[in-house]
Amino acid sequence: MERGTPCLIFVSAHESFVFDAQAFMPLWFVRKSMLGRDMYKALQKYVGLTVFKKACCMLKGGPVYIRDIMYIECSGHLLTIQMVDKK
């Protein structure tokens, strides 16, 4: 999901609308009969797609986004961060 892209979550009492809603590429379809459960899942999906991608830590060389880290290796007081792009 690109920054600034609107995120649509359809809420309806008519479960049959789920198929019509797909034309708008919604993130999730929330059924009013299952409002609490479905809204929780919709919010989990939204957070997974947005918050994690923006999370970063500041290092001497600038920000490092968590989504770009493959693994972190620790040897004594030295941390080696292996990035997805092999840096």
N, C-alpha and C. Protein backbone atom coordinates (compact mmCIF):
# COMPACT_ATOMS: atom_id res chain seq x y z
N MET A 1 0.84 -1.17 0.00
CA MET A 1 0.00 0.00 0.00
C MET A 1 0.89 1.23 0.00
N GLU A 2 0.74 2.08 -1.00
CA GLU A 2 1.54 3.29 -1.12
C GLU A 2 1.05 4.36 -0.16
N ARG A 3 1.96 5.21 0.24
CA ARG A 3 1.60 6.31 1.15
C ARG A 3 0.57 7.21 0.46
N GLY A 4 -0.48 7.56 1.18
CA GLY A 4 -1.51 8.43 0.65
C GLY A 4 -2.60 7.69 -0.10
N THR A 5 -2.43 6.39 -0.29
CA THR A 5 -3.46 5.60 -0.97
C THR A 5 -4.62 5.39 -0.01
N PRO A 6 -5.83 5.73 -0.45
CA PRO A 6 -6.97 5.51 0.47
C PRO A 6 -7.19 4.04 0.74
N CYS A 7 -7.64 3.76 1.92
CA CYS A 7 -7.89 2.38 2.34
C CYS A 7 -9.39 2.24 2.58
N LEU A 8 -10.05 1.39 1.82
CA LEU A 8 -11.50 1.22 1.93
C LEU A 8 -11.85 -0.02 2.75
N ILE A 9 -12.74 0.17 3.68
CA ILE A 9 -13.31 -0.94 4.44
C ILE A 9 -14.82 -0.81 4.31
N PHE A 10 -15.44 -1.78 3.67
CA PHE A 10 -16.89 -1.76 3.49
C PHE A 10 -17.56 -2.34 4.73
N VAL A 11 -18.63 -1.67 5.18
CA VAL A 11 -19.43 -2.15 6.30
C VAL A 11 -20.87 -2.24 5.80
N SER A 12 -21.47 -3.42 5.91
CA SER A 12 -22.84 -3.60 5.43
C SER A 12 -23.54 -4.71 6.18
N ALA A 13 -24.84 -4.57 6.27
CA ALA A 13 -25.68 -5.63 6.84
C ALA A 13 -26.02 -6.66 5.77
N HIS A 14 -25.71 -6.34 4.53
CA HIS A 14 -26.03 -7.23 3.40
C HIS A 14 -24.76 -7.96 2.96
N GLU A 15 -24.60 -9.16 3.44
CA GLU A 15 -23.39 -9.93 3.15
C GLU A 15 -23.21 -10.21 1.66
N SER A 16 -24.30 -10.20 0.91
CA SER A 16 -24.20 -10.46 -0.53
C SER A 16 -23.47 -9.33 -1.26
N PHE A 17 -23.34 -8.17 -0.62
CA PHE A 17 -22.64 -7.04 -1.24
C PHE A 17 -21.13 -7.25 -1.32
N VAL A 18 -20.64 -8.26 -0.63
CA VAL A 18 -19.19 -8.50 -0.63
C VAL A 18 -18.67 -8.67 -2.06
N PHE A 19 -19.45 -9.29 -2.92
CA PHE A 19 -19.01 -9.51 -4.30
C PHE A 19 -19.01 -8.20 -5.09
N ASP A 20 -20.01 -7.35 -4.87
CA ASP A 20 -20.04 -6.05 -5.54
C ASP A 20 -18.92 -5.15 -5.05
N ALA A 21 -18.58 -5.25 -3.78
CA ALA A 21 -17.54 -4.41 -3.19
C ALA A 21 -16.17 -4.70 -3.80
N GLN A 22 -15.95 -5.90 -4.28
CA GLN A 22 -14.64 -6.27 -4.82
C GLN A 22 -14.23 -5.39 -5.99
N ALA A 23 -15.18 -4.81 -6.69
CA ALA A 23 -14.86 -3.92 -7.81
C ALA A 23 -14.07 -2.70 -7.34
N PHE A 24 -14.19 -2.34 -6.06
CA PHE A 24 -13.51 -1.16 -5.51
C PHE A 24 -12.22 -1.52 -4.78
N MET A 25 -11.85 -2.81 -4.78
CA MET A 25 -10.65 -3.31 -4.16
C MET A 25 -10.52 -2.88 -2.70
N PRO A 26 -11.52 -3.22 -1.88
CA PRO A 26 -11.45 -2.84 -0.46
C PRO A 26 -10.41 -3.65 0.29
N LEU A 27 -9.95 -3.09 1.38
CA LEU A 27 -9.03 -3.81 2.25
C LEU A 27 -9.77 -4.95 2.95
N TRP A 28 -11.03 -4.69 3.34
CA TRP A 28 -11.80 -5.69 4.08
C TRP A 28 -13.28 -5.41 3.92
N PHE A 29 -14.09 -6.43 4.16
CA PHE A 29 -15.55 -6.29 4.17
C PHE A 29 -16.03 -6.67 5.56
N VAL A 30 -16.67 -5.73 6.23
CA VAL A 30 -17.16 -5.94 7.60
C VAL A 30 -18.66 -6.18 7.57
N ARG A 31 -19.07 -7.33 8.11
CA ARG A 31 -20.50 -7.65 8.21
C ARG A 31 -21.03 -7.08 9.51
N LYS A 32 -22.15 -6.37 9.44
CA LYS A 32 -22.71 -5.79 10.67
C LYS A 32 -23.09 -6.87 11.67
N SER A 33 -23.45 -8.05 11.17
CA SER A 33 -23.81 -9.14 12.09
C SER A 33 -22.60 -9.65 12.87
N MET A 34 -21.41 -9.36 12.39
CA MET A 34 -20.16 -9.77 13.04
C MET A 34 -19.25 -8.56 13.21
N LEU A 35 -19.84 -7.42 13.55
CA LEU A 35 -19.13 -6.15 13.55
C LEU A 35 -17.84 -6.17 14.37
N GLY A 36 -17.91 -6.62 15.62
CA GLY A 36 -16.73 -6.63 16.48
C GLY A 36 -15.61 -7.49 15.91
N ARG A 37 -15.93 -8.71 15.50
CA ARG A 37 -14.93 -9.65 14.99
C ARG A 37 -14.34 -9.18 13.66
N ASP A 38 -15.21 -8.78 12.73
CA ASP A 38 -14.73 -8.38 11.41
C ASP A 38 -13.95 -7.07 11.46
N MET A 39 -14.40 -6.12 12.29
CA MET A 39 -13.69 -4.85 12.39
C MET A 39 -12.31 -5.07 13.00
N TYR A 40 -12.21 -5.95 13.96
CA TYR A 40 -10.91 -6.29 14.55
C TYR A 40 -9.97 -6.84 13.48
N LYS A 41 -10.47 -7.74 12.64
CA LYS A 41 -9.64 -8.30 11.56
C LYS A 41 -9.24 -7.23 10.56
N ALA A 42 -10.18 -6.33 10.24
CA ALA A 42 -9.88 -5.25 9.30
C ALA A 42 -8.78 -4.35 9.84
N LEU A 43 -8.87 -4.01 11.11
CA LEU A 43 -7.86 -3.15 11.72
C LEU A 43 -6.51 -3.85 11.83
N GLN A 44 -6.52 -5.15 12.12
CA GLN A 44 -5.27 -5.91 12.14
C GLN A 44 -4.60 -5.87 10.78
N LYS A 45 -5.37 -6.05 9.73
CA LYS A 45 -4.82 -6.04 8.38
C LYS A 45 -4.26 -4.65 8.05
N TYR A 46 -5.01 -3.60 8.40
CA TYR A 46 -4.57 -2.23 8.14
C TYR A 46 -3.25 -1.94 8.85
N VAL A 47 -3.17 -2.28 10.12
CA VAL A 47 -1.96 -2.05 10.90
C VAL A 47 -0.79 -2.84 10.29
N GLY A 48 -1.05 -4.08 9.90
CA GLY A 48 0.01 -4.89 9.30
C GLY A 48 0.54 -4.32 8.00
N LEU A 49 -0.31 -3.65 7.25
CA LEU A 49 0.11 -3.08 5.97
C LEU A 49 0.72 -1.69 6.08
N THR A 50 0.42 -0.97 7.14
CA THR A 50 0.86 0.42 7.22
C THR A 50 1.90 0.67 8.31
N VAL A 51 1.59 0.36 9.54
CA VAL A 51 2.46 0.70 10.65
C VAL A 51 3.81 0.01 10.54
N PHE A 52 3.82 -1.28 10.25
CA PHE A 52 5.07 -2.03 10.17
C PHE A 52 5.98 -1.47 9.08
N LYS A 53 5.42 -1.05 7.98
CA LYS A 53 6.24 -0.55 6.88
C LYS A 53 6.86 0.80 7.19
N LYS A 54 6.27 1.55 8.12
CA LYS A 54 6.79 2.87 8.45
C LYS A 54 7.74 2.84 9.64
N ALA A 55 7.74 1.75 10.40
CA ALA A 55 8.56 1.67 11.60
C ALA A 55 10.04 1.67 11.23
N CYS A 56 10.82 2.49 11.93
CA CYS A 56 12.25 2.55 11.63
C CYS A 56 13.03 2.84 12.90
N CYS A 57 14.32 2.63 12.80
CA CYS A 57 15.21 3.02 13.89
C CYS A 57 16.27 3.95 13.29
N MET A 58 16.73 4.88 14.09
CA MET A 58 17.71 5.85 13.61
C MET A 58 19.12 5.36 13.94
N LEU A 59 19.95 5.30 12.93
CA LEU A 59 21.36 4.93 13.08
C LEU A 59 22.23 6.09 12.60
N LYS A 60 23.53 5.96 12.77
CA LYS A 60 24.43 7.03 12.34
C LYS A 60 24.26 7.38 10.87
N GLY A 61 24.00 6.38 10.06
CA GLY A 61 23.86 6.60 8.62
C GLY A 61 22.47 7.06 8.20
N GLY A 62 21.56 7.21 9.16
CA GLY A 62 20.20 7.64 8.83
C GLY A 62 19.18 6.59 9.25
N PRO A 63 17.93 6.77 8.83
CA PRO A 63 16.88 5.84 9.26
C PRO A 63 17.01 4.48 8.56
N VAL A 64 16.71 3.44 9.30
CA VAL A 64 16.66 2.08 8.75
C VAL A 64 15.25 1.56 9.01
N TYR A 65 14.53 1.26 7.96
CA TYR A 65 13.16 0.78 8.09
C TYR A 65 13.16 -0.71 8.41
N ILE A 66 12.35 -1.08 9.37
CA ILE A 66 12.29 -2.46 9.83
C ILE A 66 11.94 -3.41 8.68
N ARG A 67 11.11 -2.96 7.76
CA ARG A 67 10.71 -3.82 6.63
C ARG A 67 11.91 -4.20 5.75
N ASP A 68 13.00 -3.40 5.82
CA ASP A 68 14.17 -3.64 4.98
C ASP A 68 15.24 -4.50 5.65
N ILE A 69 15.03 -4.90 6.90
CA ILE A 69 16.02 -5.70 7.64
C ILE A 69 15.74 -7.19 7.44
N MET A 70 16.77 -7.92 7.00
CA MET A 70 16.64 -9.36 6.86
C MET A 70 16.93 -10.03 8.21
N TYR A 71 18.05 -9.63 8.86
CA TYR A 71 18.37 -10.13 10.19
C TYR A 71 19.40 -9.21 10.85
N ILE A 72 19.53 -9.35 12.17
CA ILE A 72 20.52 -8.60 12.94
C ILE A 72 21.39 -9.61 13.68
N GLU A 73 22.71 -9.47 13.51
CA GLU A 73 23.66 -10.37 14.16
C GLU A 73 24.41 -9.59 15.24
N CYS A 74 24.53 -10.20 16.40
CA CYS A 74 25.21 -9.56 17.52
C CYS A 74 26.48 -10.33 17.86
N SER A 75 27.60 -9.61 17.96
CA SER A 75 28.87 -10.21 18.37
C SER A 75 29.50 -9.26 19.38
N GLY A 76 29.37 -9.61 20.67
CA GLY A 76 29.83 -8.70 21.72
C GLY A 76 28.98 -7.43 21.70
N HIS A 77 29.65 -6.27 21.50
CA HIS A 77 28.94 -5.00 21.43
C HIS A 77 28.72 -4.53 20.00
N LEU A 78 29.05 -5.38 19.03
CA LEU A 78 28.92 -5.02 17.62
C LEU A 78 27.64 -5.64 17.04
N LEU A 79 26.82 -4.80 16.44
CA LEU A 79 25.61 -5.27 15.74
C LEU A 79 25.84 -5.16 14.25
N THR A 80 25.57 -6.22 13.54
CA THR A 80 25.63 -6.21 12.09
C THR A 80 24.20 -6.38 11.58
N ILE A 81 23.74 -5.39 10.81
CA ILE A 81 22.38 -5.43 10.26
C ILE A 81 22.46 -5.83 8.80
N GLN A 82 21.91 -6.98 8.48
CA GLN A 82 21.89 -7.44 7.08
C GLN A 82 20.57 -6.99 6.48
N MET A 83 20.68 -6.18 5.44
CA MET A 83 19.50 -5.63 4.79
C MET A 83 19.01 -6.54 3.67
N VAL A 84 17.77 -6.40 3.33
CA VAL A 84 17.18 -7.19 2.24
C VAL A 84 17.91 -6.94 0.94
N ASP A 85 18.36 -5.70 0.70
CA ASP A 85 19.06 -5.36 -0.55
C ASP A 85 20.56 -5.65 -0.47
N LYS A 86 20.96 -6.47 0.51
CA LYS A 86 22.34 -6.96 0.69
C LYS A 86 23.32 -5.89 1.17
N LYS A 87 22.88 -4.73 1.61
CA LYS A 87 23.78 -3.69 2.14
C LYS A 87 24.22 -4.06 3.53
